Amino acid sequence: MSINTAIKPAKESKYEIYKYLANMFDYPQNDSYKNSIISVYNLLKTDMPEAAASMNVFIDFVNEASLSEMQELYLRSFDVQAITTLDIGFVLFGEDYKRGQLLVNLNREHRDANNTCNTELADSLPNVLNLISRMTNIEMRDEIASKLVIPAVVKMSSEFSSDKIEKKDEIYKKHLKTIIDFSQKYRTIYKTLLDTLLIVLKRDFNYDINILNYFKEEKCHDESKESCSCDTTPNTDALDAINNNYFKDFSEQIEIEMIIEK
């Protein structure tokens, strides 16, 4: 594992780390992506060694892979026939109207923090991590991180199960055999970055264990339905509580959004 230890960003505050963590989930446009990964790794190695250790396999990957191979794994993880999506609202709520509520409220928070979302939606994980790094409203930052981001990241990570990946890969086997031979070695590589992020989030924020248990149980059902002995009825009360608390002014916010758009 070859690492340039000179590549390390200056961290101004405790939450500054999240803007660098956000870079891990950007599409690898060019070779600067590798430098971004190494930069985060070096920062974590100093501040949080256990989080850095979880990135070791990913460091091996970026050292070995070509740019096109990194791009392929990214797309197959988060975009085309993806394992999961980076849009945390969709991860938590699917097409339910509650995701629309989330987008409205997050757009407001992005504006208040002067955080630019560029071409991605307000609930895109990199955008939300950048938002966390810029927010001055401590209570709202803690709410977003603990009740939205942490549960979403747990859910995303749980999607990297062998059964789910095999189904997604079927469509590729007939057409991209050459690339698949390389990709299978690192097929779940982006799970390591999600797990790294989760380690840092759990250090910095409290989280609702009921929500995490819900997603852990869901993963258990997916991977071993016959041998699973836990309660098969998912408890969504915690997620409903998030919606009731966070989106109570939804109608008013929609009206404001329409005025702003005009």
Protein backbone atom coordinates (compact mmCIF):
# COMPACT_ATOMS: atom_id res chain seq x y z
CA MET A 1 0.00 0.00 0.00
CA SER A 2 1.73 3.15 -1.27
CA ILE A 3 0.70 6.41 0.40
CA ASN A 4 1.92 9.94 -0.11
CA THR A 5 1.75 11.24 3.46
CA ALA A 6 2.38 14.79 2.27
CA ILE A 7 -1.16 14.97 0.89
CA LYS A 8 -3.17 16.11 3.88
CA PRO A 9 -5.72 18.95 4.16
CA ALA A 10 -5.76 21.56 6.90
CA LYS A 11 -8.72 20.99 9.23
CA GLU A 12 -10.18 24.16 10.77
CA SER A 13 -12.86 22.63 13.01
CA LYS A 14 -14.20 19.30 14.21
CA TYR A 15 -16.84 19.20 11.49
CA GLU A 16 -14.52 20.32 8.70
CA ILE A 17 -13.71 16.64 8.17
CA TYR A 18 -17.11 16.13 6.55
CA LYS A 19 -16.31 18.21 3.49
CA TYR A 20 -13.34 15.93 2.88
CA LEU A 21 -15.41 12.82 3.54
CA ALA A 22 -17.89 14.15 0.98
CA ASN A 23 -15.15 14.02 -1.67
CA MET A 24 -14.95 10.24 -1.25
CA PHE A 25 -18.38 9.90 -2.85
CA ASP A 26 -17.76 12.14 -5.86
CA TYR A 27 -17.59 10.57 -9.30
CA PRO A 28 -13.92 9.92 -10.23
CA GLN A 29 -13.64 12.50 -13.01
CA ASN A 30 -9.85 12.41 -13.19
CA ASP A 31 -6.74 11.42 -11.26
CA SER A 32 -7.39 14.11 -8.64
CA TYR A 33 -9.93 11.70 -7.14
CA LYS A 34 -7.08 9.49 -5.97
CA ASN A 35 -5.45 12.48 -4.27
CA SER A 36 -8.75 13.28 -2.54
CA ILE A 37 -8.94 9.74 -1.17
CA ILE A 38 -5.34 9.78 0.06
CA SER A 39 -5.92 13.21 1.61
CA VAL A 40 -8.86 11.91 3.65
CA TYR A 41 -6.92 8.80 4.61
CA ASN A 42 -3.98 10.81 5.94
CA LEU A 43 -6.31 13.09 7.89
CA LEU A 44 -8.11 10.16 9.49
CA LYS A 45 -4.87 8.36 10.20
CA THR A 46 -3.95 11.22 12.54
CA ASP A 47 -7.38 11.99 14.02
CA MET A 48 -9.14 8.63 13.94
CA PRO A 49 -6.91 5.62 13.17
CA GLU A 50 -9.75 3.08 13.30
CA ALA A 51 -11.58 4.95 10.52
CA ALA A 52 -8.39 5.13 8.45
CA ALA A 53 -7.84 1.40 8.92
CA SER A 54 -11.25 0.69 7.40
CA MET A 55 -10.04 2.47 4.24
CA ASN A 56 -6.97 0.29 3.71
CA VAL A 57 -8.60 -1.89 1.06
CA PHE A 58 -9.86 1.17 -0.80
CA ILE A 59 -6.35 2.64 -0.81
CA ASP A 60 -5.12 -0.60 -2.40
CA PHE A 61 -7.91 -0.28 -4.95
CA VAL A 62 -7.09 3.28 -6.07
CA ASN A 63 -3.41 2.38 -6.30
CA GLU A 64 -4.16 -0.62 -8.51
CA ALA A 65 -7.13 0.53 -10.59
CA SER A 66 -7.13 2.65 -13.73
CA LEU A 67 -9.40 5.69 -13.93
CA SER A 68 -11.89 3.83 -16.15
CA GLU A 69 -12.03 0.95 -13.68
CA MET A 70 -12.69 3.33 -10.78
CA GLN A 71 -15.44 4.98 -12.81
CA GLU A 72 -17.04 1.63 -13.63
CA LEU A 73 -17.10 0.53 -9.98
CA TYR A 74 -18.55 3.89 -8.94
CA LEU A 75 -21.34 3.70 -11.53
CA ARG A 76 -22.15 0.10 -10.66
CA SER A 77 -22.27 0.99 -6.98
CA PHE A 78 -24.32 4.20 -7.14
CA ASP A 79 -25.71 4.83 -10.63
CA VAL A 80 -26.19 2.29 -13.47
CA GLN A 81 -27.84 -0.93 -12.21
CA ALA A 82 -26.61 0.38 -8.88
CA ILE A 83 -26.24 -1.47 -5.61
CA THR A 84 -27.64 1.57 -3.82
CA THR A 85 -28.11 5.29 -4.38
CA LEU A 86 -26.41 8.26 -2.77
CA ASP A 87 -29.72 10.11 -2.36
CA ILE A 88 -30.42 9.62 1.34
CA GLY A 89 -34.06 10.67 1.04
CA PHE A 90 -34.73 7.92 -1.48
CA VAL A 91 -32.82 5.42 0.67
CA LEU A 92 -35.02 6.20 3.68
CA PHE A 93 -38.40 6.96 2.11
CA GLY A 94 -38.33 5.71 -1.49
CA GLU A 95 -40.89 7.52 -3.67
CA ASP A 96 -43.02 8.42 -0.65
CA TYR A 97 -44.10 12.06 -0.38
CA LYS A 98 -41.92 12.32 2.72
CA ARG A 99 -38.88 12.45 0.47
CA GLY A 100 -40.36 15.57 -1.13
CA GLN A 101 -40.70 17.06 2.32
CA LEU A 102 -37.09 16.25 3.05
CA LEU A 103 -35.88 17.90 -0.18
CA VAL A 104 -37.80 21.08 0.60
CA ASN A 105 -36.33 21.35 4.09
CA LEU A 106 -32.82 20.44 2.99
CA ASN A 107 -32.93 23.03 0.21
CA ARG A 108 -33.68 25.61 2.89
CA GLU A 109 -30.76 24.42 5.02
CA HIS A 110 -28.41 24.49 2.03
CA ARG A 111 -29.41 28.09 1.30
CA ASP A 112 -28.99 29.14 4.92
CA ALA A 113 -25.51 27.59 5.01
CA ASN A 114 -24.60 29.00 1.57
CA ASN A 115 -23.87 25.47 0.40
CA THR A 116 -24.05 24.90 -3.35
CA CYS A 117 -25.58 21.61 -4.50
CA ASN A 118 -24.50 21.93 -8.15
CA THR A 119 -26.28 19.38 -10.36
CA GLU A 120 -27.18 16.90 -7.61
CA LEU A 121 -30.30 16.95 -5.45
CA ALA A 122 -30.36 18.40 -1.95
CA ASP A 123 -30.41 14.94 -0.36
CA SER A 124 -27.33 13.65 -2.20
CA LEU A 125 -24.90 12.29 0.40
CA PRO A 126 -21.93 14.48 -0.69
CA ASN A 127 -24.15 17.58 -0.56
CA VAL A 128 -25.45 16.71 2.91
CA LEU A 129 -21.94 16.00 4.22
CA ASN A 130 -20.79 19.38 2.90
CA LEU A 131 -23.82 20.92 4.59
CA ILE A 132 -22.86 19.36 7.94
CA SER A 133 -19.39 20.89 7.64
CA ARG A 134 -20.86 24.38 7.15
CA MET A 135 -23.86 24.52 9.48
CA THR A 136 -23.88 26.88 12.44
CA ASN A 137 -27.24 25.69 13.78
CA ILE A 138 -25.92 22.99 16.10
CA GLU A 139 -29.30 21.47 16.94
CA MET A 140 -30.33 21.14 13.29
CA ARG A 141 -26.94 19.76 12.30
CA ASP A 142 -27.24 17.09 14.98
CA GLU A 143 -30.77 16.23 13.83
CA ILE A 144 -29.73 15.84 10.20
CA ALA A 145 -26.68 13.75 11.04
CA SER A 146 -28.22 11.47 13.67
CA LYS A 147 -31.74 11.00 12.35
CA LEU A 148 -31.16 11.11 8.60
CA VAL A 149 -27.55 10.55 7.56
CA ILE A 150 -26.59 7.76 9.97
CA PRO A 151 -29.70 5.62 9.26
CA ALA A 152 -29.26 6.18 5.51
CA VAL A 153 -25.59 5.17 5.56
CA VAL A 154 -26.43 2.04 7.57
CA LYS A 155 -29.08 1.18 4.97
CA MET A 156 -26.70 1.88 2.05
CA SER A 157 -24.02 -0.34 3.53
CA SER A 158 -26.52 -3.17 4.05
CA GLU A 159 -27.28 -3.19 0.32
CA PHE A 160 -23.82 -4.59 -0.47
CA SER A 161 -24.90 -8.18 0.21
CA SER A 162 -23.80 -10.99 -2.11
CA ASP A 163 -27.34 -11.94 -3.16
CA LYS A 164 -28.28 -8.42 -4.14
CA ILE A 165 -25.03 -7.84 -6.01
CA GLU A 166 -25.37 -11.08 -7.99
CA LYS A 167 -28.77 -9.98 -9.24
CA LYS A 168 -27.43 -6.58 -10.28
CA ASP A 169 -24.44 -8.14 -12.04
CA GLU A 170 -26.44 -10.52 -14.25
CA ILE A 171 -27.03 -7.82 -16.84
CA TYR A 172 -23.29 -7.09 -17.12
CA LYS A 173 -21.99 -10.62 -17.56
CA LYS A 174 -22.96 -10.90 -21.24
CA HIS A 175 -21.54 -7.54 -22.33
CA LEU A 176 -18.67 -6.45 -20.08
CA LYS A 177 -16.80 -9.67 -19.36
CA THR A 178 -13.32 -8.10 -19.60
CA ILE A 179 -14.04 -5.38 -17.07
CA ILE A 180 -16.03 -7.67 -14.81
CA ASP A 181 -13.01 -9.93 -14.25
CA PHE A 182 -11.26 -7.01 -12.57
CA SER A 183 -14.33 -5.53 -10.92
CA GLN A 184 -15.40 -8.65 -9.06
CA LYS A 185 -12.30 -8.43 -6.89
CA TYR A 186 -13.43 -5.03 -5.64
CA ARG A 187 -17.17 -5.34 -6.28
CA THR A 188 -18.12 -4.15 -2.79
CA ILE A 189 -15.27 -1.67 -2.48
CA TYR A 190 -17.49 1.37 -1.87
CA LYS A 191 -18.93 -0.32 1.20
CA THR A 192 -15.56 0.34 2.86
CA LEU A 193 -16.06 4.09 2.37
CA LEU A 194 -19.60 3.95 3.76
CA ASP A 195 -18.31 2.05 6.79
CA THR A 196 -15.52 4.60 7.24
CA LEU A 197 -18.04 7.42 7.16
CA LEU A 198 -20.23 5.61 9.68
CA ILE A 199 -17.34 5.27 12.14
CA VAL A 200 -16.77 9.04 12.04
CA LEU A 201 -20.48 9.87 12.28
CA LYS A 202 -20.94 7.65 15.33
CA ARG A 203 -18.05 9.41 17.01
CA ASP A 204 -19.47 12.88 16.43
CA PHE A 205 -23.22 12.37 16.82
CA ASN A 206 -25.74 10.54 18.96
CA TYR A 207 -28.04 8.23 17.04
CA ASP A 208 -31.33 6.38 17.57
CA ILE A 209 -30.53 2.71 18.13
CA ASN A 210 -34.12 1.78 17.18
CA ILE A 211 -33.57 3.04 13.65
CA LEU A 212 -30.27 1.22 13.28
CA ASN A 213 -31.80 -2.00 14.62
CA TYR A 214 -34.58 -1.69 12.06
CA PHE A 215 -32.10 -1.64 9.18
CA LYS A 216 -29.95 -4.38 10.71
CA GLU A 217 -33.03 -6.60 10.95
CA GLU A 218 -33.91 -5.79 7.34
CA LYS A 219 -30.41 -6.85 6.27
CA CYS A 220 -30.79 -10.08 8.23
CA HIS A 221 -34.01 -10.92 6.39
CA ASP A 222 -32.44 -10.24 3.01
CA GLU A 223 -29.35 -12.37 3.55
CA SER A 224 -30.79 -15.36 5.45
CA LYS A 225 -34.57 -15.44 5.59
CA GLU A 226 -34.77 -19.08 6.62
CA SER A 227 -32.24 -18.92 9.45
CA CYS A 228 -33.27 -15.49 10.73
CA SER A 229 -34.89 -15.64 14.18
CA CYS A 230 -35.57 -11.92 14.71
CA ASP A 231 -38.98 -10.27 14.53
CA THR A 232 -40.01 -10.06 10.86
CA THR A 233 -42.27 -7.06 11.37
CA PRO A 234 -40.19 -3.92 10.78
CA ASN A 235 -40.67 -1.17 13.33
CA THR A 236 -40.93 2.11 11.45
CA ASP A 237 -42.07 4.20 14.43
CA ALA A 238 -38.65 5.84 14.70
CA LEU A 239 -38.69 6.93 11.06
CA ASP A 240 -42.24 8.23 11.42
CA ALA A 241 -41.07 10.25 14.42
CA ILE A 242 -38.38 11.84 12.26
CA ASN A 243 -40.99 12.94 9.75
CA ASN A 244 -43.36 14.31 12.37
CA ASN A 245 -40.64 16.38 14.02
CA TYR A 246 -38.66 17.47 11.00
CA PHE A 247 -41.42 18.13 8.46
CA LYS A 248 -44.24 19.66 10.49
CA ASP A 249 -44.11 22.90 8.46
CA PHE A 250 -44.10 21.14 5.09
CA SER A 251 -47.10 22.93 3.56
CA GLU A 252 -45.72 26.30 4.50
CA GLN A 253 -42.30 25.40 3.07
CA ILE A 254 -43.83 24.26 -0.25
CA GLU A 255 -45.57 27.60 -0.56
CA ILE A 256 -42.30 29.42 0.15
CA GLU A 257 -40.50 27.28 -2.44
CA MET A 258 -43.09 28.18 -5.10
CA ILE A 259 -42.66 31.88 -4.35
CA ILE A 260 -38.88 31.54 -4.58
CA GLU A 261 -39.12 29.68 -7.92
CA LYS A 262 -41.34 32.46 -9.35
